[in-house]
Amino acid sequence: MTKEIYVLTKHAKQQMSLRQIPERWVKAAMARPQQIVPGLGKKKIYQSEFKQRKTVYLLRVVVDDQGKLPVVITVYRTTNIAKYWKKS
């Protein structure tokens, strides 16, 4: 039995399917995000880069982490990494 580290909303699951985002990408980004940036309100965006074929994508996972378990609100990927990546 695996311990749940987050909850996926119905919307997040639908977006993963529609956008062809593998669940393993979401699991990896939630477990060890390369970067966490502020989202709207108290939401946070967990970001990690992934390569598919020859394209590098930035996976953005919008999370509400105010409860016992983080709740994944939505998920999307982009190739416009420079727009979203925050320099340290």
C-alpha atoms as a PDB file:
ATOM      1  CA  MET A   1       0.000   0.000   0.000  1.00  0.00           C
ATOM      2  CA  THR A   2       1.425   3.381  -0.999  1.00  0.00           C
ATOM      3  CA  LYS A   3       0.964   6.432   1.170  1.00  0.00           C
ATOM      4  CA  GLU A   4      -0.875   9.272  -0.566  1.00  0.00           C
ATOM      5  CA  ILE A   5       1.125  12.490  -0.587  1.00  0.00           C
ATOM      6  CA  TYR A   6      -1.489  14.604  -2.410  1.00  0.00           C
ATOM      7  CA  VAL A   7      -5.066  14.585  -3.712  1.00  0.00           C
ATOM      8  CA  LEU A   8      -5.958  15.019  -7.400  1.00  0.00           C
ATOM      9  CA  THR A   9      -9.189  16.902  -8.105  1.00  0.00           C
ATOM     10  CA  LYS A  10     -11.504  15.664 -10.837  1.00  0.00           C
ATOM     11  CA  HIS A  11     -10.514  18.728 -12.878  1.00  0.00           C
ATOM     12  CA  ALA A  12      -6.794  17.942 -12.507  1.00  0.00           C
ATOM     13  CA  LYS A  13      -7.375  14.354 -13.667  1.00  0.00           C
ATOM     14  CA  GLN A  14      -9.351  15.604 -16.672  1.00  0.00           C
ATOM     15  CA  GLN A  15      -6.614  18.074 -17.598  1.00  0.00           C
ATOM     16  CA  MET A  16      -3.917  15.403 -17.291  1.00  0.00           C
ATOM     17  CA  SER A  17      -5.872  13.215 -19.694  1.00  0.00           C
ATOM     18  CA  LEU A  18      -6.726  16.024 -22.114  1.00  0.00           C
ATOM     19  CA  ARG A  19      -3.165  17.382 -22.145  1.00  0.00           C
ATOM     20  CA  GLN A  20      -1.556  13.934 -22.194  1.00  0.00           C
ATOM     21  CA  ILE A  21       0.439  14.539 -19.020  1.00  0.00           C
ATOM     22  CA  PRO A  22       1.683  11.275 -17.474  1.00  0.00           C
ATOM     23  CA  GLU A  23       0.752  10.771 -13.834  1.00  0.00           C
ATOM     24  CA  ARG A  24       4.383   9.872 -13.107  1.00  0.00           C
ATOM     25  CA  TRP A  25       5.339  13.467 -14.017  1.00  0.00           C
ATOM     26  CA  VAL A  26       2.833  14.822 -11.498  1.00  0.00           C
ATOM     27  CA  LYS A  27       4.032  12.381  -8.824  1.00  0.00           C
ATOM     28  CA  ALA A  28       7.654  13.407  -9.417  1.00  0.00           C
ATOM     29  CA  ALA A  29       6.848  17.132  -9.381  1.00  0.00           C
ATOM     30  CA  MET A  30       4.858  16.781  -6.160  1.00  0.00           C
ATOM     31  CA  ALA A  31       7.505  14.656  -4.443  1.00  0.00           C
ATOM     32  CA  ARG A  32      10.517  16.738  -5.509  1.00  0.00           C
ATOM     33  CA  PRO A  33       9.611  19.950  -7.331  1.00  0.00           C
ATOM     34  CA  GLN A  34      12.525  21.734  -8.948  1.00  0.00           C
ATOM     35  CA  GLN A  35      10.890  25.007  -7.975  1.00  0.00           C
ATOM     36  CA  ILE A  36       7.858  26.243  -6.005  1.00  0.00           C
ATOM     37  CA  VAL A  37       6.483  29.671  -6.905  1.00  0.00           C
ATOM     38  CA  PRO A  38       3.522  31.622  -5.514  1.00  0.00           C
ATOM     39  CA  GLY A  39       0.197  31.248  -7.303  1.00  0.00           C
ATOM     40  CA  LEU A  40      -3.056  33.170  -6.888  1.00  0.00           C
ATOM     41  CA  GLY A  41      -4.203  33.610  -3.309  1.00  0.00           C
ATOM     42  CA  LYS A  42      -2.617  30.985  -1.101  1.00  0.00           C
ATOM     43  CA  LYS A  43      -2.025  28.550  -3.939  1.00  0.00           C
ATOM     44  CA  LYS A  44       1.464  27.425  -4.919  1.00  0.00           C
ATOM     45  CA  ILE A  45       2.780  26.212  -8.248  1.00  0.00           C
ATOM     46  CA  TYR A  46       5.133  23.254  -8.192  1.00  0.00           C
ATOM     47  CA  GLN A  47       7.347  23.308 -11.284  1.00  0.00           C
ATOM     48  CA  SER A  48       9.654  20.729 -12.824  1.00  0.00           C
ATOM     49  CA  GLU A  49      11.140  20.176 -16.251  1.00  0.00           C
ATOM     50  CA  PHE A  50      10.524  16.980 -18.176  1.00  0.00           C
ATOM     51  CA  LYS A  51      11.701  15.795 -21.563  1.00  0.00           C
ATOM     52  CA  GLN A  52       9.386  14.021 -23.972  1.00  0.00           C
ATOM     53  CA  ARG A  53      10.894  12.907 -27.233  1.00  0.00           C
ATOM     54  CA  LYS A  54      13.168  15.858 -28.081  1.00  0.00           C
ATOM     55  CA  THR A  55      11.092  18.557 -26.390  1.00  0.00           C
ATOM     56  CA  VAL A  56      11.687  19.933 -22.895  1.00  0.00           C
ATOM     57  CA  TYR A  57       8.507  20.906 -21.053  1.00  0.00           C
ATOM     58  CA  LEU A  58       7.916  22.791 -17.838  1.00  0.00           C
ATOM     59  CA  LEU A  59       5.210  21.026 -15.871  1.00  0.00           C
ATOM     60  CA  ARG A  60       3.207  23.415 -13.680  1.00  0.00           C
ATOM     61  CA  VAL A  61       1.117  21.862 -10.926  1.00  0.00           C
ATOM     62  CA  VAL A  62      -1.246  24.304  -9.191  1.00  0.00           C
ATOM     63  CA  VAL A  63      -1.604  23.225  -5.564  1.00  0.00           C
ATOM     64  CA  ASP A  64      -3.628  24.252  -2.530  1.00  0.00           C
ATOM     65  CA  ASP A  65      -1.520  23.051   0.385  1.00  0.00           C
ATOM     66  CA  GLN A  66      -3.527  24.561   3.233  1.00  0.00           C
ATOM     67  CA  GLY A  67      -5.118  21.253   4.313  1.00  0.00           C
ATOM     68  CA  LYS A  68      -3.807  17.980   5.686  1.00  0.00           C
ATOM     69  CA  LEU A  69      -2.838  16.790   2.185  1.00  0.00           C
ATOM     70  CA  PRO A  70      -1.951  19.097  -0.728  1.00  0.00           C
ATOM     71  CA  VAL A  71      -4.750  19.289  -3.309  1.00  0.00           C
ATOM     72  CA  VAL A  72      -3.781  19.442  -6.988  1.00  0.00           C
ATOM     73  CA  ILE A  73      -6.161  21.941  -8.585  1.00  0.00           C
ATOM     74  CA  THR A  74      -4.902  21.745 -12.172  1.00  0.00           C
ATOM     75  CA  VAL A  75      -1.886  20.690 -14.221  1.00  0.00           C
ATOM     76  CA  TYR A  76      -0.420  21.918 -17.476  1.00  0.00           C
ATOM     77  CA  ARG A  77       2.825  21.859 -19.414  1.00  0.00           C
ATOM     78  CA  THR A  78       4.510  24.516 -21.496  1.00  0.00           C
ATOM     79  CA  THR A  79       7.586  24.927 -23.639  1.00  0.00           C
ATOM     80  CA  ASN A  80       7.757  28.613 -22.695  1.00  0.00           C
ATOM     81  CA  ILE A  81       9.977  27.877 -19.703  1.00  0.00           C
ATOM     82  CA  ALA A  82      11.586  31.335 -19.501  1.00  0.00           C
ATOM     83  CA  LYS A  83       8.182  32.949 -18.918  1.00  0.00           C
ATOM     84  CA  TYR A  84       7.508  30.972 -15.726  1.00  0.00           C
ATOM     85  CA  TRP A  85      10.900  29.962 -14.315  1.00  0.00           C
ATOM     86  CA  LYS A  86      11.976  32.251 -11.474  1.00  0.00           C
ATOM     87  CA  LYS A  87      15.685  32.981 -11.326  1.00  0.00           C
ATOM     88  CA  SER A  88      17.241  32.593  -7.894  1.00  0.00           C
END
